[in-house]
Amino acid sequence: MVATTKPNESSIKIEQPNNKYEAMKRIESEKRARQKKHMDEEYDRHIHPMKQKKTAKTNWTKQYEKGS
């Protein structure tokens, strides 16, 4: 009998598709996370409208005294 130190070729072939599947699954989940982040940023941008600048309060008593 000859002792072999190499793993069986069949076990290597079985592991490769699993690694591909896991990599594709990870990439798809990262893509979904990026899309969700982008959608959240777009939503936040549209929710907050520009605020109008406040005008100073008119003191009608002073204007009446000055004759305006």
N, C-alpha and C. Protein backbone atom coordinates (compact mmCIF):
# COMPACT_ATOMS: atom_id res chain seq x y z
N MET A 1 0.83 -1.19 0.00
CA MET A 1 0.00 0.00 0.00
C MET A 1 0.87 1.25 0.00
N VAL A 2 0.37 2.22 -0.75
CA VAL A 2 1.07 3.48 -0.84
C VAL A 2 0.26 4.53 -0.08
N ALA A 3 0.93 5.26 0.78
CA ALA A 3 0.23 6.30 1.54
C ALA A 3 0.22 7.59 0.72
N THR A 4 -0.93 8.23 0.68
CA THR A 4 -1.02 9.49 -0.05
C THR A 4 -1.21 10.63 0.94
N THR A 5 -0.59 11.76 0.63
CA THR A 5 -0.72 12.92 1.51
C THR A 5 -1.69 13.95 0.92
N LYS A 6 -2.07 13.78 -0.32
CA LYS A 6 -2.99 14.71 -0.97
C LYS A 6 -4.42 14.38 -0.59
N PRO A 7 -5.28 15.42 -0.45
CA PRO A 7 -6.70 15.13 -0.21
C PRO A 7 -7.35 14.59 -1.48
N ASN A 8 -8.44 13.93 -1.31
CA ASN A 8 -9.16 13.38 -2.45
C ASN A 8 -9.60 14.50 -3.38
N GLU A 9 -9.50 14.27 -4.65
CA GLU A 9 -9.90 15.27 -5.64
C GLU A 9 -11.41 15.52 -5.57
N SER A 10 -12.17 14.52 -5.22
CA SER A 10 -13.63 14.67 -5.16
C SER A 10 -14.02 15.65 -4.04
N SER A 11 -13.29 15.65 -2.94
CA SER A 11 -13.63 16.57 -1.85
C SER A 11 -13.31 18.02 -2.24
N ILE A 12 -12.30 18.26 -3.02
CA ILE A 12 -11.95 19.61 -3.49
C ILE A 12 -13.02 20.12 -4.44
N LYS A 13 -13.50 19.26 -5.34
CA LYS A 13 -14.51 19.67 -6.30
C LYS A 13 -15.84 20.01 -5.61
N ILE A 14 -16.13 19.34 -4.53
CA ILE A 14 -17.38 19.61 -3.81
C ILE A 14 -17.31 20.95 -3.09
N GLU A 15 -16.17 21.31 -2.56
CA GLU A 15 -16.03 22.56 -1.81
C GLU A 15 -16.08 23.80 -2.70
N GLN A 16 -15.59 23.72 -3.90
CA GLN A 16 -15.53 24.90 -4.77
C GLN A 16 -16.91 25.48 -5.08
N PRO A 17 -17.92 24.71 -5.47
CA PRO A 17 -19.23 25.31 -5.73
C PRO A 17 -19.82 25.96 -4.48
N ASN A 18 -19.59 25.38 -3.31
CA ASN A 18 -20.08 25.98 -2.07
C ASN A 18 -19.43 27.33 -1.84
N ASN A 19 -18.14 27.44 -2.10
CA ASN A 19 -17.45 28.71 -1.93
C ASN A 19 -17.99 29.74 -2.91
N LYS A 20 -18.25 29.32 -4.14
CA LYS A 20 -18.81 30.23 -5.14
C LYS A 20 -20.20 30.70 -4.70
N TYR A 21 -20.99 29.76 -4.21
CA TYR A 21 -22.34 30.09 -3.77
C TYR A 21 -22.30 31.07 -2.60
N GLU A 22 -21.42 30.81 -1.64
CA GLU A 22 -21.30 31.70 -0.48
C GLU A 22 -20.81 33.09 -0.91
N ALA A 23 -19.87 33.13 -1.85
CA ALA A 23 -19.36 34.42 -2.33
C ALA A 23 -20.46 35.19 -3.05
N MET A 24 -21.23 34.51 -3.90
CA MET A 24 -22.32 35.18 -4.61
C MET A 24 -23.38 35.67 -3.62
N LYS A 25 -23.67 34.86 -2.61
CA LYS A 25 -24.65 35.23 -1.60
C LYS A 25 -24.17 36.47 -0.84
N ARG A 26 -22.89 36.51 -0.48
CA ARG A 26 -22.31 37.65 0.24
C ARG A 26 -22.35 38.90 -0.62
N ILE A 27 -21.99 38.78 -1.88
CA ILE A 27 -21.98 39.93 -2.79
C ILE A 27 -23.39 40.48 -2.96
N GLU A 28 -24.38 39.59 -3.11
CA GLU A 28 -25.77 40.03 -3.25
C GLU A 28 -26.26 40.75 -2.00
N SER A 29 -25.89 40.26 -0.83
CA SER A 29 -26.32 40.92 0.41
C SER A 29 -25.66 42.28 0.55
N GLU A 30 -24.39 42.40 0.16
CA GLU A 30 -23.70 43.70 0.19
C GLU A 30 -24.35 44.67 -0.79
N LYS A 31 -24.76 44.16 -1.95
CA LYS A 31 -25.43 45.00 -2.95
C LYS A 31 -26.75 45.51 -2.40
N ARG A 32 -27.52 44.63 -1.76
CA ARG A 32 -28.79 45.05 -1.15
C ARG A 32 -28.56 46.09 -0.06
N ALA A 33 -27.51 45.93 0.73
CA ALA A 33 -27.21 46.89 1.79
C ALA A 33 -26.87 48.25 1.20
N ARG A 34 -26.08 48.27 0.11
CA ARG A 34 -25.73 49.54 -0.54
C ARG A 34 -26.98 50.21 -1.11
N GLN A 35 -27.87 49.42 -1.72
CA GLN A 35 -29.10 49.99 -2.28
C GLN A 35 -29.99 50.57 -1.19
N LYS A 36 -30.08 49.87 -0.06
CA LYS A 36 -30.89 50.36 1.05
C LYS A 36 -30.31 51.66 1.60
N LYS A 37 -29.00 51.73 1.73
CA LYS A 37 -28.35 52.95 2.21
C LYS A 37 -28.61 54.10 1.25
N HIS A 38 -28.53 53.84 -0.04
CA HIS A 38 -28.78 54.87 -1.05
C HIS A 38 -30.23 55.35 -0.99
N MET A 39 -31.16 54.43 -0.83
CA MET A 39 -32.58 54.79 -0.73
C MET A 39 -32.84 55.63 0.52
N ASP A 40 -32.20 55.27 1.63
CA ASP A 40 -32.37 56.04 2.87
C ASP A 40 -31.84 57.46 2.70
N GLU A 41 -30.70 57.60 2.02
CA GLU A 41 -30.14 58.93 1.79
C GLU A 41 -31.06 59.77 0.91
N GLU A 42 -31.62 59.16 -0.12
CA GLU A 42 -32.55 59.88 -1.00
C GLU A 42 -33.79 60.30 -0.23
N TYR A 43 -34.31 59.41 0.62
CA TYR A 43 -35.51 59.70 1.41
C TYR A 43 -35.23 60.87 2.37
N ASP A 44 -34.09 60.84 3.05
CA ASP A 44 -33.74 61.91 3.98
C ASP A 44 -33.57 63.24 3.26
N ARG A 45 -33.05 63.21 2.08
CA ARG A 45 -32.81 64.45 1.32
C ARG A 45 -34.14 65.12 0.95
N HIS A 46 -35.16 64.31 0.62
CA HIS A 46 -36.44 64.87 0.18
C HIS A 46 -37.35 65.26 1.35
N ILE A 47 -37.13 64.71 2.51
CA ILE A 47 -38.02 64.97 3.64
C ILE A 47 -37.82 66.37 4.20
N HIS A 48 -36.59 66.84 4.29
CA HIS A 48 -36.30 68.10 4.94
C HIS A 48 -36.27 69.24 3.91
N PRO A 49 -37.36 69.97 3.79
CA PRO A 49 -37.36 71.09 2.83
C PRO A 49 -36.54 72.26 3.37
N MET A 50 -36.23 73.19 2.50
CA MET A 50 -35.48 74.37 2.90
C MET A 50 -36.34 75.20 3.85
N LYS A 51 -35.74 75.66 4.93
CA LYS A 51 -36.46 76.49 5.88
C LYS A 51 -36.41 77.94 5.41
N GLN A 52 -37.50 78.67 5.63
CA GLN A 52 -37.54 80.07 5.23
C GLN A 52 -36.84 80.91 6.30
N LYS A 53 -36.21 81.95 5.84
CA LYS A 53 -35.51 82.83 6.75
C LYS A 53 -36.54 83.63 7.56
N LYS A 54 -36.31 83.70 8.86
CA LYS A 54 -37.25 84.42 9.71
C LYS A 54 -37.05 85.93 9.53
N THR A 55 -38.15 86.64 9.50
CA THR A 55 -38.08 88.10 9.40
C THR A 55 -38.18 88.69 10.81
N ALA A 56 -37.59 89.83 10.97
CA ALA A 56 -37.63 90.49 12.27
C ALA A 56 -39.06 90.92 12.58
N LYS A 57 -39.42 90.86 13.85
CA LYS A 57 -40.76 91.27 14.25
C LYS A 57 -40.86 92.79 14.15
N THR A 58 -41.95 93.27 13.63
CA THR A 58 -42.16 94.71 13.47
C THR A 58 -42.76 95.27 14.75
N ASN A 59 -42.09 96.27 15.28
CA ASN A 59 -42.61 96.94 16.47
C ASN A 59 -43.47 98.11 16.00
N TRP A 60 -44.78 97.89 15.94
CA TRP A 60 -45.68 98.89 15.39
C TRP A 60 -45.76 100.15 16.27
N THR A 61 -45.53 100.02 17.56
CA THR A 61 -45.59 101.18 18.46
C THR A 61 -44.48 102.17 18.13
N LYS A 62 -43.27 101.68 17.93
CA LYS A 62 -42.14 102.56 17.61
C LYS A 62 -42.35 103.23 16.26
N GLN A 63 -42.86 102.47 15.29
CA GLN A 63 -43.08 103.06 13.97
C GLN A 63 -44.16 104.14 14.04
N TYR A 64 -45.17 103.97 14.86
CA TYR A 64 -46.23 104.95 15.01
C TYR A 64 -45.69 106.24 15.65
N GLU A 65 -44.79 106.06 16.66
CA GLU A 65 -44.20 107.21 17.33
C GLU A 65 -43.31 108.00 16.39
N LYS A 66 -42.59 107.32 15.48
CA LYS A 66 -41.69 107.99 14.56
C LYS A 66 -42.47 108.63 13.40
N GLY A 67 -43.69 108.23 13.22
CA GLY A 67 -44.49 108.79 12.16
C GLY A 67 -44.40 108.04 10.84
N SER A 68 -43.97 106.80 10.87
CA SER A 68 -43.86 106.01 9.63
C SER A 68 -45.20 105.56 9.15
